[in-house]
Protein backbone atom coordinates (compact mmCIF):
# COMPACT_ATOMS: atom_id res chain seq x y z
CA MET A 1 0.31 -0.15 -0.09
CA SER A 2 1.59 3.22 -0.94
CA GLU A 3 1.67 6.17 1.26
CA LEU A 4 -0.45 9.08 0.59
CA LYS A 5 2.17 12.30 0.54
CA GLN A 6 0.83 15.57 2.51
CA THR A 7 1.80 18.34 0.10
CA SER A 8 0.98 22.04 1.72
CA ARG A 9 0.70 24.81 -0.82
CA ARG A 10 3.39 27.87 -0.22
CA ILE A 11 1.94 30.82 -1.21
CA SER A 12 4.43 33.61 -2.46
CA PRO A 13 5.38 36.90 -0.69
CA SER A 14 4.43 38.82 -4.09
CA LYS A 15 0.43 37.00 -3.63
CA ARG A 16 -0.55 37.36 0.21
CA LYS A 17 -2.98 40.31 0.83
CA PRO A 18 -1.17 42.65 2.89
CA ALA A 19 -2.35 43.12 6.37
CA VAL A 20 -5.11 46.03 7.16
CA PRO A 21 -3.42 48.41 9.52
CA ALA A 22 -4.68 48.97 12.78
CA LYS A 23 -5.30 52.62 12.26
CA ALA A 24 -7.05 52.02 9.60
CA VAL A 25 -9.10 49.40 11.46
CA GLY A 26 -10.19 51.96 14.07
CA ARG A 27 -11.50 54.39 11.15
CA SER A 28 -13.65 52.12 9.79
CA LEU A 29 -14.82 51.30 13.13
CA ARG A 30 -15.05 54.81 14.27
CA ALA A 31 -17.10 56.06 10.83
CA ARG A 32 -19.56 53.12 11.87
CA THR A 33 -20.15 54.48 15.30
CA PRO A 34 -23.11 57.03 15.39
CA LYS A 35 -22.61 60.88 16.53
CA PRO A 36 -25.11 60.03 20.00
CA VAL A 37 -28.63 61.39 19.87
CA ASP A 38 -29.10 65.18 20.31
CA ARG A 39 -31.15 66.87 23.47
CA THR A 40 -34.34 66.61 21.45
CA THR A 41 -34.20 63.39 20.22
CA MET A 42 -32.90 62.09 23.96
CA ILE A 43 -36.34 63.65 25.22
CA GLU A 44 -38.80 62.12 22.55
CA ILE A 45 -36.46 58.67 23.35
CA PHE A 46 -37.80 58.71 27.27
CA ARG A 47 -41.28 60.71 26.33
CA ARG A 48 -41.67 57.34 24.55
CA LEU A 49 -40.63 55.21 27.33
CA HIS A 50 -42.33 56.83 30.01
CA ALA A 51 -45.82 56.07 27.59
CA ALA A 52 -44.90 52.69 27.45
CA ASN A 53 -44.65 51.90 30.85
CA PRO A 54 -45.03 54.84 33.18
CA GLU A 55 -44.26 53.24 36.65
CA PRO A 56 -41.50 51.16 35.72
CA LYS A 57 -40.45 48.59 38.94
CA GLY A 58 -37.51 46.43 39.56
CA GLU A 59 -37.14 42.81 39.87
CA LEU A 60 -35.46 42.08 42.27
CA GLU A 61 -37.89 41.54 45.60
CA HIS A 62 -37.60 42.91 48.35
CA THR A 63 -39.42 44.75 51.43
CA ASN A 64 -37.85 47.15 52.91
CA PRO A 65 -34.62 49.03 51.99
CA TYR A 66 -32.01 46.18 53.94
CA THR A 67 -33.83 43.20 51.73
CA LEU A 68 -33.39 45.61 49.06
CA LEU A 69 -29.94 45.88 49.54
CA VAL A 70 -29.48 42.25 50.26
CA ALA A 71 -30.92 41.29 46.91
CA VAL A 72 -28.98 43.54 44.82
CA ALA A 73 -25.65 42.14 46.80
CA LEU A 74 -26.69 38.99 46.00
CA SER A 75 -27.75 39.47 42.57
CA ALA A 76 -23.84 39.84 40.73
CA GLN A 77 -23.36 36.79 38.35
CA ALA A 78 -26.46 35.52 39.21
CA THR A 79 -30.35 36.39 37.18
CA ASP A 80 -32.97 38.30 39.39
CA ILE A 81 -34.91 34.97 38.93
CA GLY A 82 -32.62 33.21 40.93
CA VAL A 83 -31.71 35.44 43.46
CA ASN A 84 -35.99 36.29 44.25
CA LYS A 85 -35.66 31.56 44.26
CA ALA A 86 -33.38 31.77 47.14
CA THR A 87 -34.44 35.41 49.00
CA ARG A 88 -38.27 33.72 48.84
CA ASN A 89 -36.72 31.35 51.43
CA LEU A 90 -34.58 33.84 53.34
CA PHE A 91 -36.27 36.75 53.86
CA PRO A 92 -39.43 35.76 55.96
CA VAL A 93 -36.38 34.95 58.86
CA ALA A 94 -34.11 37.31 57.72
CA ASP A 95 -35.44 41.21 56.71
CA THR A 96 -33.35 42.97 58.80
CA PRO A 97 -29.56 43.04 60.24
CA GLN A 98 -30.19 41.71 63.79
CA LYS A 99 -32.25 39.14 61.79
CA MET A 100 -29.26 38.36 59.59
CA LEU A 101 -26.85 38.48 62.02
CA ALA A 102 -29.07 35.57 64.57
CA LEU A 103 -29.55 33.44 61.10
CA GLY A 104 -25.86 33.11 60.62
CA GLU A 105 -23.29 32.73 58.04
CA GLU A 106 -24.26 29.05 57.91
CA GLY A 107 -27.72 29.21 57.98
CA LEU A 108 -27.47 31.51 55.13
CA LYS A 109 -25.03 30.07 52.84
CA GLU A 110 -27.59 27.06 53.33
CA ARG A 111 -30.90 29.82 51.92
CA ILE A 112 -28.25 30.97 48.86
CA LYS A 113 -26.39 28.24 47.66
CA THR A 114 -27.81 28.21 44.25
CA LEU A 115 -26.53 31.30 43.56
CA ASN A 116 -23.01 31.83 42.07
CA PHE A 117 -20.35 32.90 45.23
CA PHE A 118 -22.21 31.89 47.48
CA ASN A 119 -19.95 31.21 50.06
CA THR A 120 -17.90 34.83 49.28
CA LYS A 121 -21.81 37.02 49.23
CA ALA A 122 -23.08 34.99 52.62
CA LYS A 123 -19.49 36.51 54.28
CA ASN A 124 -19.98 40.16 52.28
CA VAL A 125 -23.77 40.07 53.83
CA ILE A 126 -23.32 38.95 57.53
CA ALA A 127 -20.18 41.25 57.79
CA MET A 128 -22.62 44.42 55.80
CA SER A 129 -25.12 43.53 58.32
CA ARG A 130 -22.71 43.97 61.35
CA ARG A 131 -21.69 47.19 59.94
CA LEU A 132 -25.05 48.44 60.04
CA VAL A 133 -25.83 47.33 63.48
CA ASP A 134 -23.12 48.32 64.83
CA GLU A 135 -22.51 51.76 63.39
CA PHE A 136 -25.96 52.71 61.73
CA GLY A 137 -28.51 51.76 63.99
CA GLY A 138 -29.54 48.88 61.68
CA LYS A 139 -30.51 51.55 59.12
CA VAL A 140 -29.50 51.54 55.58
CA PRO A 141 -28.01 54.84 55.02
CA ASN A 142 -29.04 56.94 51.73
CA SER A 143 -25.85 57.83 50.52
CA VAL A 144 -24.23 55.83 47.38
CA GLU A 145 -20.68 56.85 49.45
CA VAL A 146 -21.33 55.30 52.50
CA LEU A 147 -22.85 52.65 51.10
CA GLU A 148 -19.49 52.21 48.87
CA THR A 149 -17.98 51.46 52.23
CA LEU A 150 -19.95 48.69 53.49
CA PRO A 151 -18.54 45.00 52.46
CA GLY A 152 -19.51 44.06 49.24
CA VAL A 153 -21.44 46.62 47.89
CA GLY A 154 -19.95 48.74 44.88
CA ARG A 155 -20.92 52.16 42.46
CA LYS A 156 -23.62 50.10 40.81
CA THR A 157 -25.26 48.26 44.46
CA ALA A 158 -25.71 51.60 46.22
CA SER A 159 -26.99 53.14 43.40
CA VAL A 160 -29.92 51.09 43.15
CA VAL A 161 -30.29 50.89 46.49
CA VAL A 162 -30.77 54.88 46.81
CA ASN A 163 -33.21 55.28 43.43
CA ILE A 164 -35.35 52.95 44.54
CA ALA A 165 -35.77 53.16 48.25
CA PHE A 166 -34.70 56.90 48.74
CA GLY A 167 -35.89 58.61 45.63
CA ASP A 168 -32.45 59.45 44.37
CA PRO A 169 -32.14 59.83 40.81
CA ARG A 170 -28.86 57.70 40.16
CA ILE A 171 -28.58 55.62 37.27
CA ALA A 172 -27.00 52.60 38.27
CA VAL A 173 -25.23 50.48 34.95
CA ASP A 174 -25.21 47.14 34.38
CA THR A 175 -24.32 45.67 31.34
CA HIS A 176 -27.94 46.24 29.88
CA ILE A 177 -27.88 50.16 30.57
CA PHE A 178 -24.35 49.97 28.87
CA ARG A 179 -25.03 48.25 25.79
CA VAL A 180 -28.36 50.35 25.02
CA THR A 181 -26.53 53.32 26.00
CA ASN A 182 -23.57 52.90 23.52
CA ARG A 183 -26.42 51.30 21.00
CA ILE A 184 -29.02 53.81 20.38
CA PRO A 185 -26.28 55.86 21.02
CA LEU A 186 -27.28 58.19 24.11
CA ALA A 187 -23.63 58.44 24.52
CA ILE A 188 -20.05 56.89 23.62
CA THR A 189 -18.67 55.44 26.78
CA ARG A 190 -16.08 52.93 27.79
CA THR A 191 -16.83 51.96 31.49
CA PRO A 192 -19.70 51.81 33.56
CA LEU A 193 -18.71 54.74 35.46
CA GLU A 194 -18.17 56.72 32.82
CA THR A 195 -21.93 55.54 31.78
CA GLN A 196 -23.21 56.54 34.54
CA GLU A 197 -22.01 59.88 34.78
CA ALA A 198 -23.15 60.45 31.22
CA LEU A 199 -26.27 59.67 31.64
CA GLU A 200 -26.82 61.41 34.63
CA LYS A 201 -25.46 64.53 33.24
CA LEU A 202 -27.76 64.29 29.92
CA ILE A 203 -31.21 62.80 30.60
CA PRO A 204 -34.25 65.54 31.12
CA ASP A 205 -34.48 65.71 35.18
CA ALA A 206 -37.95 64.36 34.61
CA TYR A 207 -37.30 61.44 33.20
CA ARG A 208 -34.06 60.59 35.70
CA LEU A 209 -35.47 58.80 38.42
CA HIS A 210 -37.05 56.23 36.54
CA ALA A 211 -34.67 56.11 33.87
CA HIS A 212 -32.60 53.62 35.27
CA HIS A 213 -35.75 50.70 35.13
CA TRP A 214 -36.52 52.10 31.73
CA LEU A 215 -33.45 51.34 30.50
CA ILE A 216 -32.41 47.96 31.87
CA LEU A 217 -36.04 46.68 30.98
CA HIS A 218 -35.76 48.28 27.31
CA GLY A 219 -32.07 46.05 27.15
CA ARG A 220 -33.66 43.05 28.91
CA TYR A 221 -36.16 42.41 26.73
CA ILE A 222 -35.89 44.34 23.29
CA CYS A 223 -32.78 45.05 23.45
CA LYS A 224 -30.96 42.23 23.59
CA ALA A 225 -27.01 41.82 22.86
CA ARG A 226 -27.16 39.62 19.98
CA LYS A 227 -30.11 40.04 18.32
CA PRO A 228 -31.90 42.82 19.07
CA GLU A 229 -35.78 42.85 18.87
CA CYS A 230 -35.79 46.39 16.71
CA TRP A 231 -39.20 45.56 14.88
CA ARG A 232 -40.76 45.82 18.03
CA CYS A 233 -39.06 49.07 19.26
CA PRO A 234 -41.12 51.93 20.28
CA ILE A 235 -37.47 53.80 19.41
CA ASN A 236 -36.26 52.49 16.66
CA ASP A 237 -37.09 55.45 14.01
CA LEU A 238 -34.71 57.42 16.94
CA CYS A 239 -32.21 55.17 17.03
CA ARG A 240 -29.20 55.09 15.01
CA TYR A 241 -27.59 51.28 15.64
CA PRO A 242 -26.86 50.24 12.17
CA ASP A 243 -27.19 46.82 12.46
CA LYS A 244 -30.95 46.93 13.05
CA THR A 245 -32.94 43.59 12.55
CA ILE A 246 -35.74 45.78 11.45
CA PRO A 247 -37.10 42.57 8.50
């Protein structure tokens, strides 16, 4: 039996396609990135989002500022559905920092073990509850800056809590809001913090309190990451995204 010889076809240097310079790629991408909408369009976008959902609500279940804080802290790398499933067994027995400390870290772990990183989350929630009891009389502070000093609480968590629990028009930025902001675009940003600062500056005061919920729900259910459902989007004629999925 004769052996089959493998041959490789060499391409002469003269026939190879020249590499596209990085600067040219950058210019091409920038050329496809539309400029942010103007203020008149921004106002109309939020007018329509308001008309479609006048009183938007978050999907994390909670009963008071403390349970909201815990739920948001548990939501990192988890879905709202998963968090709600866990907290339905948790909050009936631990809806205050004092009760959470009485439950203890092991008891908390047992109730949230279906969540990613439940060991770390349980440790942070217990430490956070201890701080609330020792330094704040068991009350949740209504300041983003103070909340950020608590274990396991970052800018996004703190912003969600003060917005929902205390009516502070902060705009917490998650992956959905970051995507929607840059896709429409309301602004061109590179980081969640940059996005939050831009939105809190640009969004009209009349719409800022609920802007977080409108944008997150829009990104979660319509302006999806892989295939946005542009055909049913209430603002598709105002959006400047170049790859719309309108039939």
